[in-house]
Amino acid sequence: MGYGVRLQVWGEYACFTRPEMKAERVSYDVITPSAARGVLEAIHWKPALRWVVDRIHVLNEIRFDTIRRNELESKISAGAIKSAMKGTKLMGQQVITEERQQRATMMLRKPSYLIEAHFELTSVAGETDTAEKHYNMFIRRARQGQCFHRPYLGCREFDAHFAYVEDDEVLPDSFYCDATDMDLGWMLWDMEYSREMEPLFYRPVMHQGIIEVPDLLREGVKPL
């Protein structure tokens, strides 16, 4: 196991979309491990390391809001963009007024989480890619609020705030610290890119506000 880090993440809204909902967006109850990994990678990531989420603390009460948003019915294909770049074919215009659709979104309101994670060096790590080096780089960037791109909570319009939690700092209490165990049902864990982006799912159980996240890649679990 590599060096461990603790990061508090919060925002005004979040939407971790359930893949089974096709027409309109419905969020999971809590942040997914892949979304948590995305927040960490927004602060510091290199091909030489792989972030592994160990546990997630759900700090605020799980509350939902429903809004309607304008979305596009379709998007320009990648093939049309490549043809236009090569000059072999002109790319047709996309008329926004004809493509616009109003869709409902069930999203989380004022979510807040504490992410405990560690990273492991990958096979492409070089001689200068030491665990201590990348650990110190992440700590420095997280303390100063630096990031490669603004982290977000599920959707890019829901930007995330973050703060590094020091090792000797007392962890904030969860709203569910005295609650009974809560089965959150099947949830997307992450995508397995080595198997043509197959989805991996797991069934989290929140115990007093804390979700233990397994490392399915290390455990060799096959996708559902």
Protein backbone atom coordinates (compact mmCIF):
# COMPACT_ATOMS: atom_id res chain seq x y z
CA MET A 1 0.00 0.00 0.00
CA GLY A 2 1.23 3.49 -0.82
CA TYR A 3 1.07 6.69 1.18
CA GLY A 4 -2.39 7.53 2.50
CA VAL A 5 -4.12 10.91 2.19
CA ARG A 6 -7.33 12.44 3.58
CA LEU A 7 -9.26 15.06 1.64
CA GLN A 8 -12.51 16.80 2.51
CA VAL A 9 -14.70 17.61 -0.51
CA TRP A 10 -17.94 19.58 -0.60
CA GLY A 11 -20.12 21.63 -2.90
CA GLU A 12 -23.51 23.23 -3.38
CA TYR A 13 -24.84 20.44 -5.59
CA ALA A 14 -23.76 17.07 -6.99
CA CYS A 15 -25.12 14.50 -9.41
CA PHE A 16 -23.51 11.06 -9.61
CA THR A 17 -25.73 9.75 -12.37
CA ARG A 18 -27.10 6.23 -12.20
CA PRO A 19 -26.33 4.48 -15.53
CA GLU A 20 -29.68 2.67 -15.55
CA MET A 21 -31.53 6.00 -15.86
CA LYS A 22 -31.47 6.76 -19.60
CA ALA A 23 -33.79 9.68 -20.29
CA GLU A 24 -33.23 11.84 -17.20
CA ARG A 25 -30.48 12.11 -14.61
CA VAL A 26 -30.93 10.57 -11.16
CA SER A 27 -28.05 10.72 -8.70
CA TYR A 28 -26.76 7.98 -6.43
CA ASP A 29 -27.20 8.67 -2.72
CA VAL A 30 -23.47 9.31 -2.23
CA ILE A 31 -20.34 9.94 -4.25
CA THR A 32 -19.06 6.99 -6.30
CA PRO A 33 -15.46 5.73 -5.94
CA SER A 34 -14.75 6.76 -9.55
CA ALA A 35 -15.93 10.32 -8.83
CA ALA A 36 -13.79 10.41 -5.69
CA ARG A 37 -10.81 9.22 -7.72
CA GLY A 38 -11.52 11.97 -10.26
CA VAL A 39 -11.28 14.61 -7.52
CA LEU A 40 -7.89 13.26 -6.43
CA GLU A 41 -6.61 13.12 -10.01
CA ALA A 42 -7.70 16.74 -10.56
CA ILE A 43 -5.25 17.74 -7.83
CA HIS A 44 -2.35 15.47 -8.76
CA TRP A 45 -2.05 12.65 -11.26
CA LYS A 46 0.71 11.11 -13.36
CA PRO A 47 0.79 7.92 -15.46
CA ALA A 48 3.20 6.58 -12.85
CA LEU A 49 0.55 6.32 -10.14
CA ARG A 50 -2.93 4.87 -9.57
CA TRP A 51 -5.28 6.30 -6.97
CA VAL A 52 -7.18 3.80 -4.79
CA VAL A 53 -10.10 5.02 -2.65
CA ASP A 54 -10.10 3.22 0.73
CA ARG A 55 -13.16 4.70 2.46
CA ILE A 56 -15.65 7.53 2.15
CA HIS A 57 -17.11 9.47 5.07
CA VAL A 58 -20.56 10.92 4.36
CA LEU A 59 -20.54 14.11 6.44
CA ASN A 60 -23.81 15.87 5.55
CA GLU A 61 -27.34 14.56 5.43
CA ILE A 62 -28.33 12.99 2.10
CA ARG A 63 -30.84 15.41 0.57
CA PHE A 64 -32.20 15.60 -2.97
CA ASP A 65 -33.40 18.48 -5.13
CA THR A 66 -35.10 18.26 -8.53
CA ILE A 67 -34.49 20.78 -11.30
CA ARG A 68 -35.03 20.97 -15.05
CA ARG A 69 -32.08 21.73 -17.32
CA ASN A 70 -31.58 22.41 -21.00
CA GLU A 71 -29.61 19.63 -22.68
CA LEU A 72 -28.80 18.72 -26.27
CA GLU A 73 -30.50 15.76 -27.90
CA SER A 74 -27.32 14.66 -29.69
CA LYS A 75 -23.69 15.58 -30.16
CA ILE A 76 -21.40 15.90 -33.16
CA SER A 77 -19.70 12.59 -33.87
CA ALA A 78 -15.96 12.16 -33.47
CA GLY A 79 -15.72 10.95 -37.08
CA ALA A 80 -17.25 14.18 -38.39
CA ILE A 81 -14.78 16.24 -36.37
CA LYS A 82 -11.79 14.22 -37.66
CA SER A 83 -13.00 14.57 -41.26
CA ALA A 84 -13.35 18.32 -40.86
CA MET A 85 -9.86 18.58 -39.36
CA LYS A 86 -8.41 16.68 -42.33
CA GLY A 87 -10.37 18.82 -44.76
CA THR A 88 -12.01 15.83 -46.43
CA LYS A 89 -15.54 16.78 -45.45
CA LEU A 90 -17.23 19.86 -44.11
CA MET A 91 -18.76 19.48 -40.69
CA GLY A 92 -22.45 20.25 -40.59
CA GLN A 93 -23.79 22.89 -38.26
CA GLN A 94 -25.63 21.90 -35.11
CA VAL A 95 -28.75 24.02 -34.62
CA ILE A 96 -29.05 24.49 -30.88
CA THR A 97 -32.70 25.56 -30.92
CA GLU A 98 -33.66 22.34 -32.71
CA GLU A 99 -31.51 20.08 -30.52
CA ARG A 100 -32.43 21.57 -27.14
CA GLN A 101 -34.46 19.45 -24.73
CA GLN A 102 -35.57 20.03 -21.16
CA ARG A 103 -34.80 17.14 -18.85
CA ALA A 104 -35.28 16.66 -15.13
CA THR A 105 -32.32 16.08 -12.82
CA MET A 106 -32.57 14.64 -9.31
CA MET A 107 -29.38 15.85 -7.66
CA LEU A 108 -27.82 16.01 -4.20
CA ARG A 109 -27.98 19.23 -2.22
CA LYS A 110 -24.97 20.48 -0.19
CA PRO A 111 -23.04 17.20 -0.17
CA SER A 112 -19.86 16.89 1.87
CA TYR A 113 -17.46 13.94 2.04
CA LEU A 114 -14.13 12.99 3.49
CA ILE A 115 -12.12 10.76 1.16
CA GLU A 116 -9.44 8.44 2.49
CA ALA A 117 -7.24 7.10 -0.27
CA HIS A 118 -3.76 5.99 -1.21
CA PHE A 119 -1.86 5.60 -4.45
CA GLU A 120 0.26 2.85 -5.92
CA LEU A 121 3.02 3.17 -8.48
CA THR A 122 2.26 1.63 -11.86
CA SER A 123 4.46 -0.31 -14.26
CA VAL A 124 5.38 2.88 -16.17
CA ALA A 125 6.96 4.52 -13.13
CA GLY A 126 10.54 5.60 -13.74
CA GLU A 127 13.52 5.80 -11.44
CA THR A 128 12.55 9.30 -10.31
CA ASP A 129 8.94 8.33 -9.60
CA THR A 130 9.17 7.56 -5.92
CA ALA A 131 6.15 7.23 -3.62
CA GLU A 132 7.52 9.91 -1.28
CA LYS A 133 7.92 12.36 -4.16
CA HIS A 134 4.34 12.05 -5.40
CA TYR A 135 2.98 12.04 -1.85
CA ASN A 136 4.69 15.34 -1.08
CA MET A 137 3.53 16.82 -4.38
CA PHE A 138 -0.09 15.96 -3.63
CA ILE A 139 0.11 17.28 -0.06
CA ARG A 140 1.63 20.57 -1.20
CA ARG A 141 -0.92 21.09 -3.95
CA ALA A 142 -3.89 20.12 -1.77
CA ARG A 143 -2.83 22.43 1.05
CA GLN A 144 -2.50 25.36 -1.36
CA GLY A 145 -5.74 24.62 -3.19
CA GLN A 146 -3.95 23.89 -6.48
CA CYS A 147 -5.37 21.59 -9.15
CA PHE A 148 -4.80 20.76 -12.82
CA HIS A 149 -8.49 21.38 -13.48
CA ARG A 150 -11.37 22.30 -11.24
CA PRO A 151 -12.67 19.11 -9.57
CA TYR A 152 -16.38 18.51 -9.84
CA LEU A 153 -19.05 16.38 -8.19
CA GLY A 154 -20.43 14.13 -10.91
CA CYS A 155 -21.25 16.81 -13.50
CA ARG A 156 -18.84 19.53 -14.55
CA GLU A 157 -21.26 22.32 -13.66
CA PHE A 158 -21.20 21.17 -10.02
CA ASP A 159 -17.72 22.31 -9.02
CA ALA A 160 -16.15 20.97 -5.82
CA HIS A 161 -14.27 22.67 -3.00
CA PHE A 162 -11.57 20.71 -1.22
CA ALA A 163 -9.30 20.94 1.80
CA TYR A 164 -6.53 18.64 2.94
CA VAL A 165 -7.04 16.99 6.35
CA GLU A 166 -3.80 16.66 8.29
CA ASP A 167 -2.82 13.42 10.00
CA ASP A 168 -3.17 14.93 13.49
CA GLU A 169 -6.42 16.72 12.68
CA VAL A 170 -9.64 15.47 14.25
CA LEU A 171 -12.03 14.11 11.63
CA PRO A 172 -15.37 15.91 11.32
CA ASP A 173 -18.42 14.07 12.62
CA SER A 174 -20.82 12.52 10.17
CA PHE A 175 -24.55 13.25 10.24
CA TYR A 176 -24.98 9.46 10.37
CA CYS A 177 -22.48 8.76 13.16
CA ASP A 178 -25.26 7.37 15.39
CA ALA A 179 -27.40 5.87 12.63
CA THR A 180 -27.93 2.20 11.86
CA ASP A 181 -26.24 0.57 8.87
CA MET A 182 -27.63 1.73 5.54
CA ASP A 183 -27.52 -0.51 2.45
CA LEU A 184 -27.07 1.82 -0.54
CA GLY A 185 -27.73 -0.84 -3.18
CA TRP A 186 -25.61 -1.57 -6.24
CA MET A 187 -23.38 1.32 -7.25
CA LEU A 188 -20.87 1.94 -10.03
CA TRP A 189 -17.37 1.40 -8.65
CA ASP A 190 -15.33 2.35 -11.72
CA MET A 191 -14.66 1.52 -15.34
CA GLU A 192 -12.22 -1.24 -16.27
CA TYR A 193 -10.36 0.34 -19.19
CA SER A 194 -8.23 -2.74 -19.87
CA ARG A 195 -11.42 -4.67 -20.74
CA GLU A 196 -12.93 -2.21 -23.24
CA MET A 197 -14.35 0.08 -20.54
CA GLU A 198 -16.47 -2.54 -18.82
CA PRO A 199 -18.25 -1.23 -15.71
CA LEU A 200 -17.50 -2.64 -12.26
CA PHE A 201 -20.21 -2.48 -9.59
CA TYR A 202 -20.19 -3.02 -5.84
CA ARG A 203 -22.74 -2.86 -3.03
CA PRO A 204 -21.72 -0.30 -0.39
CA VAL A 205 -23.03 -0.37 3.16
CA MET A 206 -22.72 2.85 5.18
CA HIS A 207 -21.78 2.10 8.79
CA GLN A 208 -22.14 5.16 11.04
CA GLY A 209 -21.50 7.40 8.05
CA ILE A 210 -18.46 5.51 6.73
CA ILE A 211 -18.30 3.41 3.56
CA GLU A 212 -15.47 0.90 3.17
CA VAL A 213 -14.50 0.79 -0.50
CA PRO A 214 -12.93 -2.43 -1.85
CA ASP A 215 -10.21 -2.44 -4.49
CA LEU A 216 -11.96 -4.56 -7.11
CA LEU A 217 -9.02 -4.47 -9.52
CA ARG A 218 -6.70 -5.99 -6.93
CA GLU A 219 -9.31 -8.49 -5.84
CA GLY A 220 -9.90 -9.59 -9.44
CA VAL A 221 -13.66 -9.18 -9.32
CA LYS A 222 -15.34 -9.52 -12.69
CA PRO A 223 -17.85 -6.87 -13.82
CA LEU A 224 -21.54 -7.64 -13.50
